[in-house]
PDB file of N, CA and C in Angstrom:
ATOM      1  N   UNK A   1      16.332 115.591 -53.967  1.00  0.00           N
ATOM      2  CA  UNK A   1      15.078 115.624 -54.700  1.00  0.00           C
ATOM      3  C   UNK A   1      14.133 114.614 -54.066  1.00  0.00           C
ATOM      4  N   UNK A   2      12.891 114.999 -53.961  1.00  0.00           N
ATOM      5  CA  UNK A   2      11.847 114.111 -53.462  1.00  0.00           C
ATOM      6  C   UNK A   2      10.929 113.742 -54.618  1.00  0.00           C
ATOM      7  N   UNK A   3      10.395 112.547 -54.574  1.00  0.00           N
ATOM      8  CA  UNK A   3       9.362 112.139 -55.518  1.00  0.00           C
ATOM      9  C   UNK A   3       8.068 112.078 -54.717  1.00  0.00           C
ATOM     10  N   UNK A   4       7.123 112.953 -55.061  1.00  0.00           N
ATOM     11  CA  UNK A   4       5.864 113.057 -54.339  1.00  0.00           C
ATOM     12  C   UNK A   4       4.695 112.857 -55.289  1.00  0.00           C
ATOM     13  N   UNK A   5       3.588 112.340 -54.777  1.00  0.00           N
ATOM     14  CA  UNK A   5       2.405 112.243 -55.632  1.00  0.00           C
ATOM     15  C   UNK A   5       1.794 113.632 -55.830  1.00  0.00           C
ATOM     16  N   UNK A   6       1.393 113.925 -57.032  1.00  0.00           N
ATOM     17  CA  UNK A   6       0.739 115.187 -57.361  1.00  0.00           C
ATOM     18  C   UNK A   6      -0.627 114.902 -57.962  1.00  0.00           C
ATOM     19  N   UNK A   7      -1.574 115.766 -57.682  1.00  0.00           N
ATOM     20  CA  UNK A   7      -2.831 115.712 -58.420  1.00  0.00           C
ATOM     21  C   UNK A   7      -2.585 116.484 -59.705  1.00  0.00           C
ATOM     22  N   UNK A   8      -2.748 115.830 -60.833  1.00  0.00           N
ATOM     23  CA  UNK A   8      -2.475 116.456 -62.128  1.00  0.00           C
ATOM     24  C   UNK A   8      -3.806 116.757 -62.808  1.00  0.00           C
ATOM     25  N   UNK A   9      -4.058 118.039 -63.034  1.00  0.00           N
ATOM     26  CA  UNK A   9      -5.303 118.473 -63.651  1.00  0.00           C
ATOM     27  C   UNK A   9      -5.154 118.686 -65.148  1.00  0.00           C
ATOM     28  N   UNK A  10      -3.970 119.044 -65.595  1.00  0.00           N
ATOM     29  CA  UNK A  10      -3.719 119.257 -67.027  1.00  0.00           C
ATOM     30  C   UNK A  10      -2.226 119.078 -67.287  1.00  0.00           C
ATOM     31  N   UNK A  11      -1.906 118.487 -68.429  1.00  0.00           N
ATOM     32  CA  UNK A  11      -0.502 118.297 -68.806  1.00  0.00           C
ATOM     33  C   UNK A  11      -0.196 118.981 -70.128  1.00  0.00           C
ATOM     34  N   UNK A  12      -1.051 119.910 -70.524  1.00  0.00           N
ATOM     35  CA  UNK A  12      -0.829 120.631 -71.776  1.00  0.00           C
ATOM     36  C   UNK A  12       0.567 121.244 -71.773  1.00  0.00           C
ATOM     37  N   UNK A  13       1.233 121.199 -72.916  1.00  0.00           N
ATOM     38  CA  UNK A  13       2.573 121.760 -73.032  1.00  0.00           C
ATOM     39  C   UNK A  13       2.561 123.228 -72.610  1.00  0.00           C
ATOM     40  N   UNK A  14       3.417 123.587 -71.667  1.00  0.00           N
ATOM     41  CA  UNK A  14       3.547 124.942 -71.124  1.00  0.00           C
ATOM     42  C   UNK A  14       2.330 125.427 -70.336  1.00  0.00           C
ATOM     43  N   UNK A  15       1.373 124.561 -70.080  1.00  0.00           N
ATOM     44  CA  UNK A  15       0.181 124.965 -69.322  1.00  0.00           C
ATOM     45  C   UNK A  15      -0.239 123.900 -68.308  1.00  0.00           C
ATOM     46  N   UNK A  16       0.713 123.180 -67.736  1.00  0.00           N
ATOM     47  CA  UNK A  16       0.391 122.133 -66.768  1.00  0.00           C
ATOM     48  C   UNK A  16      -0.221 122.746 -65.511  1.00  0.00           C
ATOM     49  N   UNK A  17      -1.158 122.011 -64.917  1.00  0.00           N
ATOM     50  CA  UNK A  17      -1.790 122.424 -63.668  1.00  0.00           C
ATOM     51  C   UNK A  17      -1.702 121.230 -62.713  1.00  0.00           C
ATOM     52  N   UNK A  18      -1.041 121.433 -61.568  1.00  0.00           N
ATOM     53  CA  UNK A  18      -0.849 120.356 -60.603  1.00  0.00           C
ATOM     54  C   UNK A  18      -1.116 120.867 -59.193  1.00  0.00           C
ATOM     55  N   UNK A  19      -1.438 119.921 -58.301  1.00  0.00           N
ATOM     56  CA  UNK A  19      -1.651 120.270 -56.892  1.00  0.00           C
ATOM     57  C   UNK A  19      -0.728 119.395 -56.046  1.00  0.00           C
ATOM     58  N   UNK A  20       0.305 120.013 -55.453  1.00  0.00           N
ATOM     59  CA  UNK A  20       1.202 119.257 -54.577  1.00  0.00           C
ATOM     60  C   UNK A  20       0.512 118.907 -53.256  1.00  0.00           C
ATOM     61  N   UNK A  21       1.023 117.894 -52.556  1.00  0.00           N
ATOM     62  CA  UNK A  21       0.462 117.547 -51.247  1.00  0.00           C
ATOM     63  C   UNK A  21       0.522 118.743 -50.296  1.00  0.00           C
ATOM     64  N   UNK A  22      -0.534 118.900 -49.512  1.00  0.00           N
ATOM     65  CA  UNK A  22      -0.555 119.965 -48.516  1.00  0.00           C
ATOM     66  C   UNK A  22      -1.038 121.311 -49.018  1.00  0.00           C
ATOM     67  N   UNK A  23      -1.285 121.440 -50.293  1.00  0.00           N
ATOM     68  CA  UNK A  23      -1.771 122.709 -50.848  1.00  0.00           C
ATOM     69  C   UNK A  23      -3.286 122.638 -51.000  1.00  0.00           C
ATOM     70  N   UNK A  24      -3.969 123.759 -50.810  1.00  0.00           N
ATOM     71  CA  UNK A  24      -5.420 123.793 -50.962  1.00  0.00           C
ATOM     72  C   UNK A  24      -5.850 123.903 -52.412  1.00  0.00           C
ATOM     73  N   UNK A  25      -5.028 124.541 -53.227  1.00  0.00           N
ATOM     74  CA  UNK A  25      -5.394 124.785 -54.615  1.00  0.00           C
ATOM     75  C   UNK A  25      -4.271 124.341 -55.536  1.00  0.00           C
ATOM     76  N   UNK A  26      -4.627 123.972 -56.755  1.00  0.00           N
ATOM     77  CA  UNK A  26      -3.590 123.617 -57.732  1.00  0.00           C
ATOM     78  C   UNK A  26      -2.799 124.848 -58.156  1.00  0.00           C
ATOM     79  N   UNK A  27      -1.624 124.607 -58.662  1.00  0.00           N
ATOM     80  CA  UNK A  27      -0.777 125.672 -59.180  1.00  0.00           C
ATOM     81  C   UNK A  27      -0.535 125.485 -60.665  1.00  0.00           C
ATOM     82  N   UNK A  28      -0.241 126.571 -61.325  1.00  0.00           N
ATOM     83  CA  UNK A  28       0.099 126.538 -62.749  1.00  0.00           C
ATOM     84  C   UNK A  28       1.616 126.403 -62.858  1.00  0.00           C
ATOM     85  N   UNK A  29       2.064 125.387 -63.558  1.00  0.00           N
ATOM     86  CA  UNK A  29       3.496 125.153 -63.723  1.00  0.00           C
ATOM     87  C   UNK A  29       4.002 126.003 -64.881  1.00  0.00           C
ATOM     88  N   UNK A  30       5.060 126.746 -64.622  1.00  0.00           N
ATOM     89  CA  UNK A  30       5.713 127.505 -65.689  1.00  0.00           C
ATOM     90  C   UNK A  30       7.071 126.863 -65.906  1.00  0.00           C
ATOM     91  N   UNK A  31       7.294 126.326 -67.085  1.00  0.00           N
ATOM     92  CA  UNK A  31       8.573 125.705 -67.404  1.00  0.00           C
ATOM     93  C   UNK A  31       9.678 126.746 -67.299  1.00  0.00           C
ATOM     94  N   UNK A  32      10.877 126.311 -66.970  1.00  0.00           N
ATOM     95  CA  UNK A  32      11.998 127.217 -66.752  1.00  0.00           C
ATOM     96  C   UNK A  32      12.294 128.125 -67.922  1.00  0.00           C
ATOM     97  N   UNK A  33      12.250 127.593 -69.141  1.00  0.00           N
ATOM     98  CA  UNK A  33      12.542 128.443 -70.300  1.00  0.00           C
ATOM     99  C   UNK A  33      11.452 129.489 -70.493  1.00  0.00           C
ATOM    100  N   UNK A  34      10.203 129.122 -70.231  1.00  0.00           N
ATOM    101  CA  UNK A  34       9.099 130.089 -70.334  1.00  0.00           C
ATOM    102  C   UNK A  34       9.200 131.142 -69.236  1.00  0.00           C
ATOM    103  N   UNK A  35       9.577 130.718 -68.029  1.00  0.00           N
ATOM    104  CA  UNK A  35       9.764 131.659 -66.927  1.00  0.00           C
ATOM    105  C   UNK A  35      10.878 132.644 -67.256  1.00  0.00           C
ATOM    106  N   UNK A  36      11.934 132.166 -67.889  1.00  0.00           N
ATOM    107  CA  UNK A  36      13.050 133.044 -68.276  1.00  0.00           C
ATOM    108  C   UNK A  36      12.580 134.104 -69.267  1.00  0.00           C
ATOM    109  N   UNK A  37      11.735 133.718 -70.217  1.00  0.00           N
ATOM    110  CA  UNK A  37      11.202 134.669 -71.203  1.00  0.00           C
ATOM    111  C   UNK A  37      10.339 135.722 -70.505  1.00  0.00           C
ATOM    112  N   UNK A  38       9.428 135.290 -69.619  1.00  0.00           N
ATOM    113  CA  UNK A  38       8.570 136.231 -68.888  1.00  0.00           C
ATOM    114  C   UNK A  38       9.398 137.178 -68.027  1.00  0.00           C
ATOM    115  N   UNK A  39      10.392 136.641 -67.376  1.00  0.00           N
ATOM    116  CA  UNK A  39      11.267 137.457 -66.537  1.00  0.00           C
ATOM    117  C   UNK A  39      12.008 138.486 -67.379  1.00  0.00           C
ATOM    118  N   UNK A  40      12.537 138.064 -68.514  1.00  0.00           N
ATOM    119  CA  UNK A  40      13.250 138.980 -69.403  1.00  0.00           C
ATOM    120  C   UNK A  40      12.360 140.110 -69.884  1.00  0.00           C
ATOM    121  N   UNK A  41      11.109 139.794 -70.208  1.00  0.00           N
ATOM    122  CA  UNK A  41      10.166 140.825 -70.646  1.00  0.00           C
ATOM    123  C   UNK A  41       9.886 141.823 -69.524  1.00  0.00           C
ATOM    124  N   UNK A  42       9.646 141.320 -68.316  1.00  0.00           N
ATOM    125  CA  UNK A  42       9.355 142.210 -67.185  1.00  0.00           C
ATOM    126  C   UNK A  42      10.542 143.119 -66.881  1.00  0.00           C
ATOM    127  N   UNK A  43      11.741 142.575 -66.909  1.00  0.00           N
ATOM    128  CA  UNK A  43      12.939 143.380 -66.646  1.00  0.00           C
ATOM    129  C   UNK A  43      13.126 144.424 -67.739  1.00  0.00           C
ATOM    130  N   UNK A  44      12.907 144.042 -68.988  1.00  0.00           N
ATOM    131  CA  UNK A  44      13.043 144.977 -70.109  1.00  0.00           C
ATOM    132  C   UNK A  44      12.059 146.138 -69.983  1.00  0.00           C
ATOM    133  N   UNK A  45      10.804 145.824 -69.673  1.00  0.00           N
ATOM    134  CA  UNK A  45       9.791 146.871 -69.502  1.00  0.00           C
ATOM    135  C   UNK A  45      10.158 147.761 -68.315  1.00  0.00           C
ATOM    136  N   UNK A  46      10.577 147.168 -67.207  1.00  0.00           N
ATOM    137  CA  UNK A  46      10.936 147.952 -66.018  1.00  0.00           C
ATOM    138  C   UNK A  46      12.100 148.896 -66.311  1.00  0.00           C
ATOM    139  N   UNK A  47      13.092 148.430 -67.049  1.00  0.00           N
ATOM    140  CA  UNK A  47      14.231 149.298 -67.383  1.00  0.00           C
ATOM    141  C   UNK A  47      13.800 150.446 -68.292  1.00  0.00           C
ATOM    142  N   UNK A  48      12.922 150.167 -69.239  1.00  0.00           N
ATOM    143  CA  UNK A  48      12.442 151.234 -70.126  1.00  0.00           C
ATOM    144  C   UNK A  48      11.645 152.270 -69.346  1.00  0.00           C
ATOM    145  N   UNK A  49      10.795 151.804 -68.458  1.00  0.00           N
ATOM    146  CA  UNK A  49      10.006 152.726 -67.635  1.00  0.00           C
ATOM    147  C   UNK A  49      10.935 153.563 -66.764  1.00  0.00           C
ATOM    148  N   UNK A  50      11.906 152.930 -66.126  1.00  0.00           N
ATOM    149  CA  UNK A  50      12.861 153.655 -65.281  1.00  0.00           C
ATOM    150  C   UNK A  50      13.567 154.751 -66.079  1.00  0.00           C
ATOM    151  N   UNK A  51      13.963 154.442 -67.305  1.00  0.00           N
ATOM    152  CA  UNK A  51      14.693 155.399 -68.138  1.00  0.00           C
ATOM    153  C   UNK A  51      13.838 156.594 -68.555  1.00  0.00           C
ATOM    154  N   UNK A  52      12.507 156.448 -68.514  1.00  0.00           N
ATOM    155  CA  UNK A  52      11.617 157.550 -68.881  1.00  0.00           C
ATOM    156  C   UNK A  52      11.073 158.289 -67.662  1.00  0.00           C
ATOM    157  N   UNK A  53      11.493 157.899 -66.481  1.00  0.00           N
ATOM    158  CA  UNK A  53      11.200 158.582 -65.215  1.00  0.00           C
ATOM    159  C   UNK A  53       9.739 158.986 -65.014  1.00  0.00           C
ATOM    160  N   UNK A  54       8.795 158.034 -65.091  1.00  0.00           N
ATOM    161  CA  UNK A  54       7.410 158.396 -64.776  1.00  0.00           C
ATOM    162  C   UNK A  54       7.274 158.694 -63.279  1.00  0.00           C
ATOM    163  N   UNK A  55       6.196 159.367 -62.916  1.00  0.00           N
ATOM    164  CA  UNK A  55       6.033 159.798 -61.527  1.00  0.00           C
ATOM    165  C   UNK A  55       4.866 159.128 -60.810  1.00  0.00           C
ATOM    166  N   UNK A  56       4.272 158.105 -61.387  1.00  0.00           N
ATOM    167  CA  UNK A  56       3.160 157.397 -60.764  1.00  0.00           C
ATOM    168  C   UNK A  56       3.731 156.299 -59.862  1.00  0.00           C
ATOM    169  N   UNK A  57       3.840 156.592 -58.566  1.00  0.00           N
ATOM    170  CA  UNK A  57       4.483 155.663 -57.635  1.00  0.00           C
ATOM    171  C   UNK A  57       3.759 154.322 -57.532  1.00  0.00           C
ATOM    172  N   UNK A  58       2.431 154.323 -57.614  1.00  0.00           N
ATOM    173  CA  UNK A  58       1.697 153.055 -57.537  1.00  0.00           C
ATOM    174  C   UNK A  58       2.032 152.176 -58.743  1.00  0.00           C
ATOM    175  N   UNK A  59       2.054 152.765 -59.933  1.00  0.00           N
ATOM    176  CA  UNK A  59       2.436 152.041 -61.150  1.00  0.00           C
ATOM    177  C   UNK A  59       3.861 151.509 -61.026  1.00  0.00           C
ATOM    178  N   UNK A  60       4.781 152.375 -60.583  1.00  0.00           N
ATOM    179  CA  UNK A  60       6.180 151.968 -60.440  1.00  0.00           C
ATOM    180  C   UNK A  60       6.323 150.843 -59.422  1.00  0.00           C
ATOM    181  N   UNK A  61       5.586 150.932 -58.337  1.00  0.00           N
ATOM    182  CA  UNK A  61       5.630 149.898 -57.308  1.00  0.00           C
ATOM    183  C   UNK A  61       5.133 148.562 -57.851  1.00  0.00           C
ATOM    184  N   UNK A  62       4.015 148.596 -58.585  1.00  0.00           N
ATOM    185  CA  UNK A  62       3.471 147.366 -59.171  1.00  0.00           C
ATOM    186  C   UNK A  62       4.446 146.751 -60.168  1.00  0.00           C
ATOM    187  N   UNK A  63       5.023 147.579 -61.021  1.00  0.00           N
ATOM    188  CA  UNK A  63       5.967 147.081 -62.020  1.00  0.00           C
ATOM    189  C   UNK A  63       7.228 146.536 -61.356  1.00  0.00           C
ATOM    190  N   UNK A  64       7.721 147.244 -60.357  1.00  0.00           N
ATOM    191  CA  UNK A  64       8.907 146.776 -59.637  1.00  0.00           C
ATOM    192  C   UNK A  64       8.618 145.432 -58.973  1.00  0.00           C
ATOM    193  N   UNK A  65       7.454 145.308 -58.357  1.00  0.00           N
ATOM    194  CA  UNK A  65       7.083 144.055 -57.698  1.00  0.00           C
ATOM    195  C   UNK A  65       6.990 142.913 -58.707  1.00  0.00           C
ATOM    196  N   UNK A  66       6.394 143.169 -59.866  1.00  0.00           N
ATOM    197  CA  UNK A  66       6.292 142.149 -60.910  1.00  0.00           C
ATOM    198  C   UNK A  66       7.675 141.680 -61.350  1.00  0.00           C
ATOM    199  N   UNK A  67       8.530 142.621 -61.702  1.00  0.00           N
ATOM    200  CA  UNK A  67       9.864 142.276 -62.197  1.00  0.00           C
ATOM    201  C   UNK A  67      10.682 141.567 -61.116  1.00  0.00           C
ATOM    202  N   UNK A  68      10.654 142.095 -59.880  1.00  0.00           N
ATOM    203  CA  UNK A  68      11.448 141.485 -58.823  1.00  0.00           C
ATOM    204  C   UNK A  68      10.914 140.114 -58.421  1.00  0.00           C
ATOM    205  N   UNK A  69       9.606 139.927 -58.484  1.00  0.00           N
ATOM    206  CA  UNK A  69       9.036 138.615 -58.169  1.00  0.00           C
ATOM    207  C   UNK A  69       9.466 137.570 -59.189  1.00  0.00           C
ATOM    208  N   UNK A  70       9.433 137.938 -60.464  1.00  0.00           N
ATOM    209  CA  UNK A  70       9.862 136.998 -61.502  1.00  0.00           C
ATOM    210  C   UNK A  70      11.356 136.705 -61.407  1.00  0.00           C
ATOM    211  N   UNK A  71      12.154 137.738 -61.194  1.00  0.00           N
ATOM    212  CA  UNK A  71      13.599 137.526 -61.039  1.00  0.00           C
ATOM    213  C   UNK A  71      13.853 136.630 -59.825  1.00  0.00           C
ATOM    214  N   UNK A  72      13.171 136.892 -58.721  1.00  0.00           N
ATOM    215  CA  UNK A  72      13.341 136.085 -57.514  1.00  0.00           C
ATOM    216  C   UNK A  72      12.993 134.624 -57.733  1.00  0.00           C
ATOM    217  N   UNK A  73      11.899 134.380 -58.432  1.00  0.00           N
ATOM    218  CA  UNK A  73      11.513 132.994 -58.721  1.00  0.00           C
ATOM    219  C   UNK A  73      12.553 132.313 -59.598  1.00  0.00           C
ATOM    220  N   UNK A  74      13.052 133.046 -60.578  1.00  0.00           N
ATOM    221  CA  UNK A  74      14.043 132.473 -61.486  1.00  0.00           C
ATOM    222  C   UNK A  74      15.371 132.229 -60.768  1.00  0.00           C
ATOM    223  N   UNK A  75      15.767 133.127 -59.881  1.00  0.00           N
ATOM    224  CA  UNK A  75      16.981 132.899 -59.092  1.00  0.00           C
ATOM    225  C   UNK A  75      16.844 131.619 -58.262  1.00  0.00           C
ATOM    226  N   UNK A  76      15.678 131.436 -57.650  1.00  0.00           N
ATOM    227  CA  UNK A  76      15.422 130.226 -56.866  1.00  0.00           C
ATOM    228  C   UNK A  76      15.472 128.985 -57.765  1.00  0.00           C
ATOM    229  N   UNK A  77      14.815 129.043 -58.900  1.00  0.00           N
ATOM    230  CA  UNK A  77      14.795 127.936 -59.868  1.00  0.00           C
ATOM    231  C   UNK A  77      16.220 127.555 -60.261  1.00  0.00           C
ATOM    232  N   UNK A  78      17.035 128.555 -60.563  1.00  0.00           N
ATOM    233  CA  UNK A  78      18.415 128.303 -60.971  1.00  0.00           C
ATOM    234  C   UNK A  78      19.209 127.642 -59.843  1.00  0.00           C
ATOM    235  N   UNK A  79      19.016 128.118 -58.607  1.00  0.00           N
ATOM    236  CA  UNK A  79      19.726 127.537 -57.460  1.00  0.00           C
ATOM    237  C   UNK A  79      19.328 126.081 -57.251  1.00  0.00           C
ATOM    238  N   UNK A  80      18.036 125.785 -57.388  1.00  0.00           N
ATOM    239  CA  UNK A  80      17.555 124.414 -57.207  1.00  0.00           C
ATOM    240  C   UNK A  80      18.137 123.504 -58.284  1.00  0.00           C
ATOM    241  N   UNK A  81      18.084 123.931 -59.544  1.00  0.00           N
ATOM    242  CA  UNK A  81      18.637 123.108 -60.613  1.00  0.00           C
ATOM    243  C   UNK A  81      20.129 122.883 -60.415  1.00  0.00           C
ATOM    244  N   UNK A  82      20.856 123.936 -60.052  1.00  0.00           N
ATOM    245  CA  UNK A  82      22.299 123.810 -59.832  1.00  0.00           C
ATOM    246  C   UNK A  82      22.586 122.820 -58.699  1.00  0.00           C
ATOM    247  N   UNK A  83      21.815 122.899 -57.622  1.00  0.00           N
ATOM    248  CA  UNK A  83      22.018 122.006 -56.480  1.00  0.00           C
ATOM    249  C   UNK A  83      21.807 120.544 -56.854  1.00  0.00           C
ATOM    250  N   UNK A  84      21.000 120.305 -57.882  1.00  0.00           N
ATOM    251  CA  UNK A  84      20.707 118.934 -58.310  1.00  0.00           C
ATOM    252  C   UNK A  84      21.456 118.546 -59.577  1.00  0.00           C
ATOM    253  N   UNK A  85      22.379 119.394 -60.018  1.00  0.00           N
ATOM    254  CA  UNK A  85      23.191 119.068 -61.186  1.00  0.00           C
ATOM    255  C   UNK A  85      22.430 119.057 -62.500  1.00  0.00           C
ATOM    256  N   UNK A  86      21.373 119.855 -62.574  1.00  0.00           N
ATOM    257  CA  UNK A  86      20.556 119.927 -63.795  1.00  0.00           C
ATOM    258  C   UNK A  86      20.908 121.209 -64.531  1.00  0.00           C
ATOM    259  N   UNK A  87      21.176 121.100 -65.829  1.00  0.00           N
ATOM    260  CA  UNK A  87      21.540 122.289 -66.603  1.00  0.00           C
ATOM    261  C   UNK A  87      20.312 123.160 -66.843  1.00  0.00           C
ATOM    262  N   UNK A  88      20.565 124.448 -67.021  1.00  0.00           N
ATOM    263  CA  UNK A  88      19.484 125.399 -67.287  1.00  0.00           C
ATOM    264  C   UNK A  88      18.975 125.228 -68.714  1.00  0.00           C
ATOM    265  N   UNK A  89      17.681 125.445 -68.932  1.00  0.00           N
ATOM    266  CA  UNK A  89      17.129 125.324 -70.283  1.00  0.00           C
ATOM    267  C   UNK A  89      17.255 126.619 -71.094  1.00  0.00           C
ATOM    268  N   UNK A  90      18.152 127.503 -70.691  1.00  0.00           N
ATOM    269  CA  UNK A  90      18.411 128.759 -71.398  1.00  0.00           C
ATOM    270  C   UNK A  90      19.879 129.097 -71.195  1.00  0.00           C
ATOM    271  N   UNK A  91      20.385 130.028 -72.021  1.00  0.00           N
ATOM    272  CA  UNK A  91      21.826 130.280 -72.024  1.00  0.00           C
ATOM    273  C   UNK A  91      22.286 131.398 -71.096  1.00  0.00           C
ATOM    274  N   UNK A  92      21.450 132.383 -70.806  1.00  0.00           N
ATOM    275  CA  UNK A  92      21.882 133.490 -69.950  1.00  0.00           C
ATOM    276  C   UNK A  92      21.150 133.446 -68.612  1.00  0.00           C
ATOM    277  N   UNK A  93      21.841 132.997 -67.579  1.00  0.00           N
ATOM    278  CA  UNK A  93      21.198 132.965 -66.268  1.00  0.00           C
ATOM    279  C   UNK A  93      20.863 134.373 -65.778  1.00  0.00           C
ATOM    280  N   UNK A  94      19.836 134.463 -64.973  1.00  0.00           N
ATOM    281  CA  UNK A  94      19.461 135.706 -64.313  1.00  0.00           C
ATOM    282  C   UNK A  94      20.392 135.882 -63.111  1.00  0.00           C
ATOM    283  N   UNK A  95      20.738 137.126 -62.811  1.00  0.00           N
ATOM    284  CA  UNK A  95      21.573 137.431 -61.644  1.00  0.00           C
ATOM    285  C   UNK A  95      20.909 138.543 -60.839  1.00  0.00           C
ATOM    286  N   UNK A  96      21.489 138.865 -59.701  1.00  0.00           N
ATOM    287  CA  UNK A  96      20.976 139.983 -58.897  1.00  0.00           C
ATOM    288  C   UNK A  96      21.010 141.295 -59.675  1.00  0.00           C
ATOM    289  N   UNK A  97      21.867 141.391 -60.677  1.00  0.00           N
ATOM    290  CA  UNK A  97      21.943 142.606 -61.501  1.00  0.00           C
ATOM    291  C   UNK A  97      20.659 142.825 -62.299  1.00  0.00           C
ATOM    292  N   UNK A  98      19.835 141.782 -62.439  1.00  0.00           N
ATOM    293  CA  UNK A  98      18.569 141.912 -63.161  1.00  0.00           C
ATOM    294  C   UNK A  98      17.460 142.500 -62.291  1.00  0.00           C
ATOM    295  N   UNK A  99      17.703 142.673 -61.006  1.00  0.00           N
ATOM    296  CA  UNK A  99      16.715 143.301 -60.127  1.00  0.00           C
ATOM    297  C   UNK A  99      16.687 144.795 -60.428  1.00  0.00           C
ATOM    298  N   UNK A 100      15.561 145.289 -60.920  1.00  0.00           N
ATOM    299  CA  UNK A 100      15.423 146.688 -61.316  1.00  0.00           C
ATOM    300  C   UNK A 100      14.774 147.457 -60.174  1.00  0.00           C
ATOM    301  N   UNK A 101      15.435 148.504 -59.724  1.00  0.00           N
ATOM    302  CA  UNK A 101      14.921 149.346 -58.641  1.00  0.00           C
ATOM    303  C   UNK A 101      14.274 150.581 -59.259  1.00  0.00           C
ATOM    304  N   UNK A 102      12.956 150.704 -59.145  1.00  0.00           N
ATOM    305  CA  UNK A 102      12.236 151.845 -59.713  1.00  0.00           C
ATOM    306  C   UNK A 102      11.910 152.899 -58.663  1.00  0.00           C
ATOM    307  N   UNK A 103      11.835 152.494 -57.420  1.00  0.00           N
ATOM    308  CA  UNK A 103      11.523 153.402 -56.314  1.00  0.00           C
ATOM    309  C   UNK A 103      12.639 153.321 -55.282  1.00  0.00           C
ATOM    310  N   UNK A 104      12.814 154.371 -54.497  1.00  0.00           N
ATOM    311  CA  UNK A 104      13.820 154.295 -53.428  1.00  0.00           C
ATOM    312  C   UNK A 104      13.480 153.142 -52.485  1.00  0.00           C
ATOM    313  N   UNK A 105      14.508 152.452 -52.007  1.00  0.00           N
ATOM    314  CA  UNK A 105      14.274 151.357 -51.069  1.00  0.00           C
ATOM    315  C   UNK A 105      13.794 151.914 -49.742  1.00  0.00           C
ATOM    316  N   UNK A 106      12.899 151.172 -49.101  1.00  0.00           N
ATOM    317  CA  UNK A 106      12.446 151.546 -47.763  1.00  0.00           C
ATOM    318  C   UNK A 106      13.639 151.457 -46.819  1.00  0.00           C
ATOM    319  N   UNK A 107      13.703 152.328 -45.820  1.00  0.00           N
ATOM    320  CA  UNK A 107      14.858 152.346 -44.912  1.00  0.00           C
ATOM    321  C   UNK A 107      15.127 151.000 -44.236  1.00  0.00           C
ATOM    322  N   UNK A 108      14.070 150.209 -43.976  1.00  0.00           N
ATOM    323  CA  UNK A 108      14.241 148.936 -43.278  1.00  0.00           C
ATOM    324  C   UNK A 108      14.372 147.749 -44.231  1.00  0.00           C
ATOM    325  N   UNK A 109      14.357 147.989 -45.548  1.00  0.00           N
ATOM    326  CA  UNK A 109      14.431 146.899 -46.523  1.00  0.00           C
ATOM    327  C   UNK A 109      15.876 146.474 -46.746  1.00  0.00           C
ATOM    328  N   UNK A 110      16.049 145.172 -46.972  1.00  0.00           N
ATOM    329  CA  UNK A 110      17.374 144.669 -47.329  1.00  0.00           C
ATOM    330  C   UNK A 110      17.606 144.955 -48.803  1.00  0.00           C
ATOM    331  N   UNK A 111      18.835 145.260 -49.206  1.00  0.00           N
ATOM    332  CA  UNK A 111      19.121 145.516 -50.624  1.00  0.00           C
ATOM    333  C   UNK A 111      18.720 144.319 -51.480  1.00  0.00           C
ATOM    334  N   UNK A 112      18.024 144.593 -52.578  1.00  0.00           N
ATOM    335  CA  UNK A 112      17.606 143.544 -53.499  1.00  0.00           C
ATOM    336  C   UNK A 112      16.388 142.769 -53.054  1.00  0.00           C
ATOM    337  N   UNK A 113      15.840 143.096 -51.887  1.00  0.00           N
ATOM    338  CA  UNK A 113      14.672 142.380 -51.394  1.00  0.00           C
ATOM    339  C   UNK A 113      13.449 142.770 -52.200  1.00  0.00           C
ATOM    340  N   UNK A 114      12.609 141.794 -52.471  1.00  0.00           N
ATOM    341  CA  UNK A 114      11.373 142.072 -53.190  1.00  0.00           C
ATOM    342  C   UNK A 114      10.492 142.943 -52.312  1.00  0.00           C
ATOM    343  N   UNK A 115       9.688 143.811 -52.924  1.00  0.00           N
ATOM    344  CA  UNK A 115       8.810 144.672 -52.134  1.00  0.00           C
ATOM    345  C   UNK A 115       7.774 143.860 -51.372  1.00  0.00           C
ATOM    346  N   UNK A 116       7.232 144.443 -50.313  1.00  0.00           N
ATOM    347  CA  UNK A 116       6.188 143.796 -49.528  1.00  0.00           C
ATOM    348  C   UNK A 116       4.984 143.553 -50.420  1.00  0.00           C
ATOM    349  N   UNK A 117       4.530 142.288 -50.485  1.00  0.00           N
ATOM    350  CA  UNK A 117       3.428 141.951 -51.386  1.00  0.00           C
ATOM    351  C   UNK A 117       2.098 141.842 -50.662  1.00  0.00           C
ATOM    352  N   UNK A 118       2.033 142.149 -49.383  1.00  0.00           N
ATOM    353  CA  UNK A 118       0.774 142.069 -48.647  1.00  0.00           C
ATOM    354  C   UNK A 118      -0.135 143.207 -49.074  1.00  0.00           C
ATOM    355  N   UNK A 119      -1.252 142.838 -49.680  1.00  0.00           N
ATOM    356  CA  UNK A 119      -2.240 143.835 -50.113  1.00  0.00           C
ATOM    357  C   UNK A 119      -3.618 143.388 -49.754  1.00  0.00           C
TER     358      UNK A 119
END
């Protein structure tokens, strides 16, 4: 763990805004328990949509990207906390099983990889 100076713009509970060194813009901090809730909601919505088999590929792609991005961030968060011996602020960790696939994977994509976000 490193201790670095941050520019702190707001410390409101669940709405902190900070700018780490080397970044051009501040970021919004999402506490781990709040991130877990957002991730759970995105995965739940993605699974419901998948079960109803809609045919709008752009919608499915956007939803898949949202859910996989949140799951990916939470997986990273969990790995970092584990590496530093910090317990999770929630009881059910996210796993790769939470990655919801709504569209066929691209032939060159790695399994479980988040979709290309360049737009």
